[in-house]
């Protein structure tokens, strides 16, 4: 199975692709939702509890290093990277723009 590199904070790990395709329209809507949520995180519109719950989930799946607390910039960077990988998934980039190494 091919894996995609993922960056989160200082960590890089392999992230296996999903086994079933996701429709392009779904991805495009998810990119918009993600961008708005990233903006809310950066702008302080997500409360600390919500931020840490999201950070914990990101850490649980390996997108952030270790347990929290994590700051807004770290969480926002992860959301931005996910958005870039979604853009790569629908062909807007010729290679994964978040790949490290």
PDB file of N, CA and C in Angstrom:
ATOM      1  N   UNK A   1       0.838  -1.178   0.000  1.00  0.00           N
ATOM      2  CA  UNK A   1       0.000   0.000   0.000  1.00  0.00           C
ATOM      3  C   UNK A   1       0.885   1.244   0.000  1.00  0.00           C
ATOM      4  N   UNK A   2       0.612   2.170  -0.895  1.00  0.00           N
ATOM      5  CA  UNK A   2       1.362   3.420  -0.971  1.00  0.00           C
ATOM      6  C   UNK A   2       0.957   4.316   0.187  1.00  0.00           C
ATOM      7  N   UNK A   3       1.915   4.993   0.788  1.00  0.00           N
ATOM      8  CA  UNK A   3       1.633   5.912   1.883  1.00  0.00           C
ATOM      9  C   UNK A   3       2.059   7.312   1.491  1.00  0.00           C
ATOM     10  N   UNK A   4       1.394   8.285   2.057  1.00  0.00           N
ATOM     11  CA  UNK A   4       1.711   9.684   1.804  1.00  0.00           C
ATOM     12  C   UNK A   4       2.385  10.274   3.024  1.00  0.00           C
ATOM     13  N   UNK A   5       3.466  11.065   2.840  1.00  0.00           N
ATOM     14  CA  UNK A   5       4.105  11.688   3.985  1.00  0.00           C
ATOM     15  C   UNK A   5       3.192  12.754   4.585  1.00  0.00           C
ATOM     16  N   UNK A   6       3.278  12.895   5.889  1.00  0.00           N
ATOM     17  CA  UNK A   6       2.491  13.899   6.602  1.00  0.00           C
ATOM     18  C   UNK A   6       3.411  14.665   7.522  1.00  0.00           C
ATOM     19  N   UNK A   7       3.197  15.954   7.597  1.00  0.00           N
ATOM     20  CA  UNK A   7       4.000  16.798   8.470  1.00  0.00           C
ATOM     21  C   UNK A   7       3.075  17.372   9.527  1.00  0.00           C
ATOM     22  N   UNK A   8       3.520  17.422  10.750  1.00  0.00           N
ATOM     23  CA  UNK A   8       2.775  18.060  11.828  1.00  0.00           C
ATOM     24  C   UNK A   8       3.771  18.515  12.870  1.00  0.00           C
ATOM     25  N   UNK A   9       3.899  19.823  13.079  1.00  0.00           N
ATOM     26  CA  UNK A   9       4.937  20.306  13.966  1.00  0.00           C
ATOM     27  C   UNK A   9       6.285  19.897  13.411  1.00  0.00           C
ATOM     28  N   UNK A  10       7.072  19.202  14.212  1.00  0.00           N
ATOM     29  CA  UNK A  10       8.389  18.735  13.773  1.00  0.00           C
ATOM     30  C   UNK A  10       8.368  17.280  13.334  1.00  0.00           C
ATOM     31  N   UNK A  11       7.183  16.693  13.275  1.00  0.00           N
ATOM     32  CA  UNK A  11       7.093  15.262  13.025  1.00  0.00           C
ATOM     33  C   UNK A  11       6.755  14.969  11.569  1.00  0.00           C
ATOM     34  N   UNK A  12       7.327  13.926  11.051  1.00  0.00           N
ATOM     35  CA  UNK A  12       6.931  13.424   9.733  1.00  0.00           C
ATOM     36  C   UNK A  12       6.640  11.940   9.892  1.00  0.00           C
ATOM     37  N   UNK A  13       5.547  11.474   9.334  1.00  0.00           N
ATOM     38  CA  UNK A  13       5.208  10.058   9.398  1.00  0.00           C
ATOM     39  C   UNK A  13       4.475   9.688   8.123  1.00  0.00           C
ATOM     40  N   UNK A  14       4.199   8.425   7.972  1.00  0.00           N
ATOM     41  CA  UNK A  14       3.494   7.978   6.778  1.00  0.00           C
ATOM     42  C   UNK A  14       2.001   7.881   7.065  1.00  0.00           C
ATOM     43  N   UNK A  15       1.216   8.339   6.112  1.00  0.00           N
ATOM     44  CA  UNK A  15      -0.235   8.375   6.233  1.00  0.00           C
ATOM     45  C   UNK A  15      -0.825   7.568   5.081  1.00  0.00           C
ATOM     46  N   UNK A  16      -1.357   6.375   5.352  1.00  0.00           N
ATOM     47  CA  UNK A  16      -1.892   5.570   4.252  1.00  0.00           C
ATOM     48  C   UNK A  16      -3.116   6.228   3.624  1.00  0.00           C
ATOM     49  N   UNK A  17      -3.263   6.124   2.309  1.00  0.00           N
ATOM     50  CA  UNK A  17      -4.438   6.693   1.652  1.00  0.00           C
ATOM     51  C   UNK A  17      -5.690   5.891   2.001  1.00  0.00           C
ATOM     52  N   UNK A  18      -6.828   6.502   1.801  1.00  0.00           N
ATOM     53  CA  UNK A  18      -8.089   5.795   2.021  1.00  0.00           C
ATOM     54  C   UNK A  18      -8.253   4.714   0.963  1.00  0.00           C
ATOM     55  N   UNK A  19      -9.030   3.712   1.269  1.00  0.00           N
ATOM     56  CA  UNK A  19      -9.231   2.618   0.318  1.00  0.00           C
ATOM     57  C   UNK A  19     -10.356   2.901  -0.663  1.00  0.00           C
ATOM     58  N   UNK A  20     -11.248   3.813  -0.325  1.00  0.00           N
ATOM     59  CA  UNK A  20     -12.368   4.154  -1.200  1.00  0.00           C
ATOM     60  C   UNK A  20     -12.260   5.616  -1.623  1.00  0.00           C
ATOM     61  N   UNK A  21     -12.557   5.910  -2.874  1.00  0.00           N
ATOM     62  CA  UNK A  21     -12.432   7.288  -3.358  1.00  0.00           C
ATOM     63  C   UNK A  21     -13.483   8.207  -2.735  1.00  0.00           C
ATOM     64  N   UNK A  22     -13.138   9.477  -2.703  1.00  0.00           N
ATOM     65  CA  UNK A  22     -14.045  10.529  -2.248  1.00  0.00           C
ATOM     66  C   UNK A  22     -14.322  11.406  -3.457  1.00  0.00           C
ATOM     67  N   UNK A  23     -15.575  11.770  -3.648  1.00  0.00           N
ATOM     68  CA  UNK A  23     -15.944  12.586  -4.799  1.00  0.00           C
ATOM     69  C   UNK A  23     -15.298  13.961  -4.785  1.00  0.00           C
ATOM     70  N   UNK A  24     -14.985  14.470  -5.974  1.00  0.00           N
ATOM     71  CA  UNK A  24     -14.328  15.765  -6.090  1.00  0.00           C
ATOM     72  C   UNK A  24     -15.175  16.881  -5.482  1.00  0.00           C
ATOM     73  N   UNK A  25     -16.486  16.853  -5.677  1.00  0.00           N
ATOM     74  CA  UNK A  25     -17.349  17.884  -5.092  1.00  0.00           C
ATOM     75  C   UNK A  25     -17.269  17.851  -3.567  1.00  0.00           C
ATOM     76  N   UNK A  26     -17.227  16.652  -2.992  1.00  0.00           N
ATOM     77  CA  UNK A  26     -17.093  16.528  -1.539  1.00  0.00           C
ATOM     78  C   UNK A  26     -15.781  17.146  -1.069  1.00  0.00           C
ATOM     79  N   UNK A  27     -14.707  16.856  -1.786  1.00  0.00           N
ATOM     80  CA  UNK A  27     -13.396  17.393  -1.415  1.00  0.00           C
ATOM     81  C   UNK A  27     -13.398  18.913  -1.514  1.00  0.00           C
ATOM     82  N   UNK A  28     -14.006  19.451  -2.546  1.00  0.00           N
ATOM     83  CA  UNK A  28     -14.025  20.904  -2.717  1.00  0.00           C
ATOM     84  C   UNK A  28     -14.790  21.583  -1.580  1.00  0.00           C
ATOM     85  N   UNK A  29     -15.903  20.991  -1.156  1.00  0.00           N
ATOM     86  CA  UNK A  29     -16.652  21.557  -0.028  1.00  0.00           C
ATOM     87  C   UNK A  29     -15.847  21.410   1.262  1.00  0.00           C
ATOM     88  N   UNK A  30     -15.223  20.260   1.455  1.00  0.00           N
ATOM     89  CA  UNK A  30     -14.395  20.063   2.643  1.00  0.00           C
ATOM     90  C   UNK A  30     -13.242  21.063   2.702  1.00  0.00           C
ATOM     91  N   UNK A  31     -12.658  21.400   1.552  1.00  0.00           N
ATOM     92  CA  UNK A  31     -11.575  22.393   1.536  1.00  0.00           C
ATOM     93  C   UNK A  31     -12.082  23.745   2.030  1.00  0.00           C
ATOM     94  N   UNK A  32     -13.286  24.129   1.633  1.00  0.00           N
ATOM     95  CA  UNK A  32     -13.862  25.397   2.080  1.00  0.00           C
ATOM     96  C   UNK A  32     -14.127  25.370   3.584  1.00  0.00           C
ATOM     97  N   UNK A  33     -14.730  24.293   4.064  1.00  0.00           N
ATOM     98  CA  UNK A  33     -15.000  24.162   5.498  1.00  0.00           C
ATOM     99  C   UNK A  33     -13.690  24.214   6.281  1.00  0.00           C
ATOM    100  N   UNK A  34     -12.703  23.498   5.800  1.00  0.00           N
ATOM    101  CA  UNK A  34     -11.404  23.450   6.460  1.00  0.00           C
ATOM    102  C   UNK A  34     -10.746  24.824   6.491  1.00  0.00           C
ATOM    103  N   UNK A  35     -10.796  25.541   5.387  1.00  0.00           N
ATOM    104  CA  UNK A  35     -10.191  26.877   5.330  1.00  0.00           C
ATOM    105  C   UNK A  35     -10.878  27.831   6.307  1.00  0.00           C
ATOM    106  N   UNK A  36     -12.190  27.756   6.387  1.00  0.00           N
ATOM    107  CA  UNK A  36     -12.915  28.616   7.334  1.00  0.00           C
ATOM    108  C   UNK A  36     -12.568  28.253   8.774  1.00  0.00           C
ATOM    109  N   UNK A  37     -12.463  26.966   9.047  1.00  0.00           N
ATOM    110  CA  UNK A  37     -12.118  26.528  10.397  1.00  0.00           C
ATOM    111  C   UNK A  37     -10.682  26.925  10.740  1.00  0.00           C
ATOM    112  N   UNK A  38      -9.782  26.799   9.779  1.00  0.00           N
ATOM    113  CA  UNK A  38      -8.398  27.243  10.002  1.00  0.00           C
ATOM    114  C   UNK A  38      -8.387  28.729  10.339  1.00  0.00           C
ATOM    115  N   UNK A  39      -9.154  29.526   9.605  1.00  0.00           N
ATOM    116  CA  UNK A  39      -9.242  30.959   9.888  1.00  0.00           C
ATOM    117  C   UNK A  39      -9.803  31.235  11.272  1.00  0.00           C
ATOM    118  N   UNK A  40     -10.798  30.457  11.683  1.00  0.00           N
ATOM    119  CA  UNK A  40     -11.376  30.623  13.017  1.00  0.00           C
ATOM    120  C   UNK A  40     -10.357  30.273  14.101  1.00  0.00           C
ATOM    121  N   UNK A  41      -9.566  29.239  13.867  1.00  0.00           N
ATOM    122  CA  UNK A  41      -8.519  28.870  14.822  1.00  0.00           C
ATOM    123  C   UNK A  41      -7.496  29.993  14.911  1.00  0.00           C
ATOM    124  N   UNK A  42      -7.002  30.457  13.779  1.00  0.00           N
ATOM    125  CA  UNK A  42      -5.994  31.530  13.769  1.00  0.00           C
ATOM    126  C   UNK A  42      -6.534  32.816  14.385  1.00  0.00           C
ATOM    127  N   UNK A  43      -7.818  33.104  14.137  1.00  0.00           N
ATOM    128  CA  UNK A  43      -8.419  34.342  14.626  1.00  0.00           C
ATOM    129  C   UNK A  43      -8.886  34.298  16.066  1.00  0.00           C
ATOM    130  N   UNK A  44      -8.749  33.165  16.721  1.00  0.00           N
ATOM    131  CA  UNK A  44      -9.147  33.054  18.117  1.00  0.00           C
ATOM    132  C   UNK A  44     -10.634  32.812  18.315  1.00  0.00           C
ATOM    133  N   UNK A  45     -11.346  32.478  17.249  1.00  0.00           N
ATOM    134  CA  UNK A  45     -12.787  32.246  17.349  1.00  0.00           C
ATOM    135  C   UNK A  45     -13.140  30.842  17.833  1.00  0.00           C
ATOM    136  N   UNK A  46     -12.161  29.976  17.966  1.00  0.00           N
ATOM    137  CA  UNK A  46     -12.368  28.643  18.528  1.00  0.00           C
ATOM    138  C   UNK A  46     -11.877  28.703  19.969  1.00  0.00           C
ATOM    139  N   UNK A  47     -12.753  28.348  20.922  1.00  0.00           N
ATOM    140  CA  UNK A  47     -12.359  28.440  22.331  1.00  0.00           C
ATOM    141  C   UNK A  47     -11.255  27.434  22.651  1.00  0.00           C
ATOM    142  N   UNK A  48     -10.606  27.650  23.785  1.00  0.00           N
ATOM    143  CA  UNK A  48      -9.458  26.821  24.155  1.00  0.00           C
ATOM    144  C   UNK A  48      -9.822  25.344  24.283  1.00  0.00           C
ATOM    145  N   UNK A  49     -10.998  25.057  24.828  1.00  0.00           N
ATOM    146  CA  UNK A  49     -11.418  23.657  24.967  1.00  0.00           C
ATOM    147  C   UNK A  49     -11.571  23.005  23.588  1.00  0.00           C
ATOM    148  N   UNK A  50     -12.254  23.687  22.685  1.00  0.00           N
ATOM    149  CA  UNK A  50     -12.429  23.162  21.327  1.00  0.00           C
ATOM    150  C   UNK A  50     -11.103  23.004  20.608  1.00  0.00           C
ATOM    151  N   UNK A  51     -10.208  23.968  20.812  1.00  0.00           N
ATOM    152  CA  UNK A  51      -8.886  23.904  20.192  1.00  0.00           C
ATOM    153  C   UNK A  51      -8.119  22.684  20.686  1.00  0.00           C
ATOM    154  N   UNK A  52      -8.135  22.455  21.991  1.00  0.00           N
ATOM    155  CA  UNK A  52      -7.384  21.325  22.535  1.00  0.00           C
ATOM    156  C   UNK A  52      -8.007  19.990  22.145  1.00  0.00           C
ATOM    157  N   UNK A  53      -9.325  19.929  22.015  1.00  0.00           N
ATOM    158  CA  UNK A  53      -9.964  18.687  21.544  1.00  0.00           C
ATOM    159  C   UNK A  53      -9.525  18.376  20.118  1.00  0.00           C
ATOM    160  N   UNK A  54      -9.490  19.400  19.275  1.00  0.00           N
ATOM    161  CA  UNK A  54      -9.021  19.205  17.903  1.00  0.00           C
ATOM    162  C   UNK A  54      -7.544  18.828  17.896  1.00  0.00           C
ATOM    163  N   UNK A  55      -6.749  19.510  18.716  1.00  0.00           N
ATOM    164  CA  UNK A  55      -5.319  19.202  18.801  1.00  0.00           C
ATOM    165  C   UNK A  55      -5.101  17.768  19.274  1.00  0.00           C
ATOM    166  N   UNK A  56      -5.886  17.345  20.261  1.00  0.00           N
ATOM    167  CA  UNK A  56      -5.758  15.970  20.756  1.00  0.00           C
ATOM    168  C   UNK A  56      -6.065  14.962  19.655  1.00  0.00           C
ATOM    169  N   UNK A  57      -7.089  15.233  18.867  1.00  0.00           N
ATOM    170  CA  UNK A  57      -7.439  14.326  17.761  1.00  0.00           C
ATOM    171  C   UNK A  57      -6.310  14.291  16.734  1.00  0.00           C
ATOM    172  N   UNK A  58      -5.768  15.467  16.423  1.00  0.00           N
ATOM    173  CA  UNK A  58      -4.644  15.527  15.481  1.00  0.00           C
ATOM    174  C   UNK A  58      -3.449  14.748  16.017  1.00  0.00           C
ATOM    175  N   UNK A  59      -3.199  14.855  17.317  1.00  0.00           N
ATOM    176  CA  UNK A  59      -2.095  14.103  17.924  1.00  0.00           C
ATOM    177  C   UNK A  59      -2.395  12.607  17.918  1.00  0.00           C
ATOM    178  N   UNK A  60      -3.649  12.236  18.194  1.00  0.00           N
ATOM    179  CA  UNK A  60      -4.026  10.814  18.213  1.00  0.00           C
ATOM    180  C   UNK A  60      -3.752  10.129  16.877  1.00  0.00           C
ATOM    181  N   UNK A  61      -3.942  10.850  15.782  1.00  0.00           N
ATOM    182  CA  UNK A  61      -3.732  10.252  14.452  1.00  0.00           C
ATOM    183  C   UNK A  61      -2.351  10.569  13.890  1.00  0.00           C
ATOM    184  N   UNK A  62      -1.497  11.221  14.691  1.00  0.00           N
ATOM    185  CA  UNK A  62      -0.117  11.451  14.291  1.00  0.00           C
ATOM    186  C   UNK A  62       0.155  12.720  13.520  1.00  0.00           C
ATOM    187  N   UNK A  63      -0.807  13.646  13.484  1.00  0.00           N
ATOM    188  CA  UNK A  63      -0.580  14.895  12.755  1.00  0.00           C
ATOM    189  C   UNK A  63       0.086  15.959  13.613  1.00  0.00           C
ATOM    190  N   UNK A  64       0.088  15.775  14.924  1.00  0.00           N
ATOM    191  CA  UNK A  64       0.817  16.636  15.857  1.00  0.00           C
ATOM    192  C   UNK A  64       1.652  15.753  16.768  1.00  0.00           C
ATOM    193  N   UNK A  65       2.787  16.280  17.211  1.00  0.00           N
ATOM    194  CA  UNK A  65       3.655  15.541  18.118  1.00  0.00           C
ATOM    195  C   UNK A  65       3.043  15.460  19.510  1.00  0.00           C
ATOM    196  N   UNK A  66       3.014  14.264  20.048  1.00  0.00           N
ATOM    197  CA  UNK A  66       2.702  14.030  21.445  1.00  0.00           C
ATOM    198  C   UNK A  66       1.439  14.669  21.984  1.00  0.00           C
ATOM    199  N   UNK A  67       1.224  14.513  23.297  1.00  0.00           N
ATOM    200  CA  UNK A  67       0.047  15.096  23.931  1.00  0.00           C
ATOM    201  C   UNK A  67       0.184  16.615  24.047  1.00  0.00           C
ATOM    202  N   UNK A  68      -0.943  17.281  24.200  1.00  0.00           N
ATOM    203  CA  UNK A  68      -0.972  18.745  24.297  1.00  0.00           C
ATOM    204  C   UNK A  68      -0.498  19.222  25.646  1.00  0.00           C
ATOM    205  N   UNK A  69      -0.672  20.486  25.891  1.00  0.00           N
ATOM    206  CA  UNK A  69      -1.440  21.383  25.028  1.00  0.00           C
ATOM    207  C   UNK A  69      -0.634  21.827  23.805  1.00  0.00           C
ATOM    208  N   UNK A  70      -1.348  22.084  22.736  1.00  0.00           N
ATOM    209  CA  UNK A  70      -0.758  22.598  21.501  1.00  0.00           C
ATOM    210  C   UNK A  70      -1.291  24.006  21.269  1.00  0.00           C
ATOM    211  N   UNK A  71      -0.483  24.840  20.630  1.00  0.00           N
ATOM    212  CA  UNK A  71      -0.946  26.211  20.415  1.00  0.00           C
ATOM    213  C   UNK A  71      -1.716  26.345  19.105  1.00  0.00           C
ATOM    214  N   UNK A  72      -2.355  27.495  18.952  1.00  0.00           N
ATOM    215  CA  UNK A  72      -3.206  27.762  17.788  1.00  0.00           C
ATOM    216  C   UNK A  72      -2.442  27.635  16.476  1.00  0.00           C
ATOM    217  N   UNK A  73      -1.211  28.119  16.458  1.00  0.00           N
ATOM    218  CA  UNK A  73      -0.439  28.067  15.217  1.00  0.00           C
ATOM    219  C   UNK A  73      -0.172  26.631  14.777  1.00  0.00           C
ATOM    220  N   UNK A  74       0.124  25.751  15.737  1.00  0.00           N
ATOM    221  CA  UNK A  74       0.363  24.342  15.397  1.00  0.00           C
ATOM    222  C   UNK A  74      -0.886  23.701  14.801  1.00  0.00           C
ATOM    223  N   UNK A  75      -2.024  23.941  15.441  1.00  0.00           N
ATOM    224  CA  UNK A  75      -3.279  23.353  14.965  1.00  0.00           C
ATOM    225  C   UNK A  75      -3.649  23.936  13.605  1.00  0.00           C
ATOM    226  N   UNK A  76      -3.505  25.253  13.456  1.00  0.00           N
ATOM    227  CA  UNK A  76      -3.831  25.898  12.177  1.00  0.00           C
ATOM    228  C   UNK A  76      -2.928  25.376  11.064  1.00  0.00           C
ATOM    229  N   UNK A  77      -1.659  25.139  11.363  1.00  0.00           N
ATOM    230  CA  UNK A  77      -0.744  24.600  10.354  1.00  0.00           C
ATOM    231  C   UNK A  77      -1.188  23.212   9.900  1.00  0.00           C
ATOM    232  N   UNK A  78      -1.624  22.384  10.845  1.00  0.00           N
ATOM    233  CA  UNK A  78      -2.116  21.051  10.486  1.00  0.00           C
ATOM    234  C   UNK A  78      -3.327  21.172   9.569  1.00  0.00           C
ATOM    235  N   UNK A  79      -4.264  22.057   9.906  1.00  0.00           N
ATOM    236  CA  UNK A  79      -5.452  22.239   9.065  1.00  0.00           C
ATOM    237  C   UNK A  79      -5.059  22.724   7.673  1.00  0.00           C
ATOM    238  N   UNK A  80      -4.105  23.653   7.610  1.00  0.00           N
ATOM    239  CA  UNK A  80      -3.625  24.133   6.314  1.00  0.00           C
ATOM    240  C   UNK A  80      -2.986  23.028   5.495  1.00  0.00           C
ATOM    241  N   UNK A  81      -2.211  22.177   6.160  1.00  0.00           N
ATOM    242  CA  UNK A  81      -1.574  21.051   5.468  1.00  0.00           C
ATOM    243  C   UNK A  81      -2.610  20.058   4.944  1.00  0.00           C
ATOM    244  N   UNK A  82      -3.647  19.810   5.737  1.00  0.00           N
ATOM    245  CA  UNK A  82      -4.713  18.915   5.268  1.00  0.00           C
ATOM    246  C   UNK A  82      -5.354  19.501   4.015  1.00  0.00           C
ATOM    247  N   UNK A  83      -5.595  20.808   4.038  1.00  0.00           N
ATOM    248  CA  UNK A  83      -6.164  21.463   2.858  1.00  0.00           C
ATOM    249  C   UNK A  83      -5.276  21.318   1.637  1.00  0.00           C
ATOM    250  N   UNK A  84      -3.974  21.456   1.821  1.00  0.00           N
ATOM    251  CA  UNK A  84      -3.047  21.282   0.698  1.00  0.00           C
ATOM    252  C   UNK A  84      -3.080  19.856   0.166  1.00  0.00           C
ATOM    253  N   UNK A  85      -3.166  18.880   1.081  1.00  0.00           N
ATOM    254  CA  UNK A  85      -3.233  17.487   0.629  1.00  0.00           C
ATOM    255  C   UNK A  85      -4.549  17.197  -0.086  1.00  0.00           C
ATOM    256  N   UNK A  86      -5.635  17.841   0.340  1.00  0.00           N
ATOM    257  CA  UNK A  86      -6.902  17.689  -0.386  1.00  0.00           C
ATOM    258  C   UNK A  86      -6.786  18.280  -1.789  1.00  0.00           C
ATOM    259  N   UNK A  87      -6.110  19.413  -1.908  1.00  0.00           N
ATOM    260  CA  UNK A  87      -5.895  20.014  -3.233  1.00  0.00           C
ATOM    261  C   UNK A  87      -5.055  19.083  -4.112  1.00  0.00           C
ATOM    262  N   UNK A  88      -4.062  18.459  -3.518  1.00  0.00           N
ATOM    263  CA  UNK A  88      -3.251  17.476  -4.240  1.00  0.00           C
ATOM    264  C   UNK A  88      -4.128  16.297  -4.676  1.00  0.00           C
ATOM    265  N   UNK A  89      -5.029  15.868  -3.801  1.00  0.00           N
ATOM    266  CA  UNK A  89      -5.890  14.717  -4.102  1.00  0.00           C
ATOM    267  C   UNK A  89      -6.782  14.959  -5.314  1.00  0.00           C
ATOM    268  N   UNK A  90      -7.190  16.206  -5.540  1.00  0.00           N
ATOM    269  CA  UNK A  90      -8.048  16.482  -6.701  1.00  0.00           C
ATOM    270  C   UNK A  90      -7.249  17.002  -7.889  1.00  0.00           C
ATOM    271  N   UNK A  91      -5.929  16.945  -7.796  1.00  0.00           N
ATOM    272  CA  UNK A  91      -5.093  17.257  -8.945  1.00  0.00           C
ATOM    273  C   UNK A  91      -4.659  18.696  -9.097  1.00  0.00           C
ATOM    274  N   UNK A  92      -4.852  19.531  -8.074  1.00  0.00           N
ATOM    275  CA  UNK A  92      -4.412  20.921  -8.173  1.00  0.00           C
ATOM    276  C   UNK A  92      -2.901  21.061  -8.024  1.00  0.00           C
ATOM    277  N   UNK A  93      -2.247  20.052  -7.478  1.00  0.00           N
ATOM    278  CA  UNK A  93      -0.784  20.017  -7.355  1.00  0.00           C
ATOM    279  C   UNK A  93      -0.291  18.722  -7.996  1.00  0.00           C
ATOM    280  N   UNK A  94       0.886  18.771  -8.610  1.00  0.00           N
ATOM    281  CA  UNK A  94       1.433  17.569  -9.248  1.00  0.00           C
ATOM    282  C   UNK A  94       2.125  16.643  -8.253  1.00  0.00           C
ATOM    283  N   UNK A  95       2.470  17.177  -7.086  1.00  0.00           N
ATOM    284  CA  UNK A  95       3.042  16.356  -6.023  1.00  0.00           C
ATOM    285  C   UNK A  95       2.541  16.908  -4.693  1.00  0.00           C
ATOM    286  N   UNK A  96       2.662  16.101  -3.653  1.00  0.00           N
ATOM    287  CA  UNK A  96       2.178  16.502  -2.331  1.00  0.00           C
ATOM    288  C   UNK A  96       2.986  17.698  -1.835  1.00  0.00           C
ATOM    289  N   UNK A  97       2.363  18.878  -1.693  1.00  0.00           N
ATOM    290  CA  UNK A  97       3.100  20.067  -1.263  1.00  0.00           C
ATOM    291  C   UNK A  97       3.518  20.023   0.202  1.00  0.00           C
ATOM    292  N   UNK A  98       3.028  19.059   0.970  1.00  0.00           N
ATOM    293  CA  UNK A  98       3.417  18.963   2.374  1.00  0.00           C
ATOM    294  C   UNK A  98       4.457  17.881   2.610  1.00  0.00           C
ATOM    295  N   UNK A  99       4.851  17.172   1.552  1.00  0.00           N
ATOM    296  CA  UNK A  99       5.819  16.079   1.701  1.00  0.00           C
ATOM    297  C   UNK A  99       7.139  16.621   2.216  1.00  0.00           C
ATOM    298  N   UNK A 100       7.704  15.910   3.175  1.00  0.00           N
ATOM    299  CA  UNK A 100       9.006  16.288   3.720  1.00  0.00           C
ATOM    300  C   UNK A 100      10.043  15.296   3.236  1.00  0.00           C
ATOM    301  N   UNK A 101      11.283  15.769   3.234  1.00  0.00           N
ATOM    302  CA  UNK A 101      12.362  14.845   2.865  1.00  0.00           C
ATOM    303  C   UNK A 101      12.808  15.069   1.536  1.00  0.00           C
TER     304      UNK A 101
END
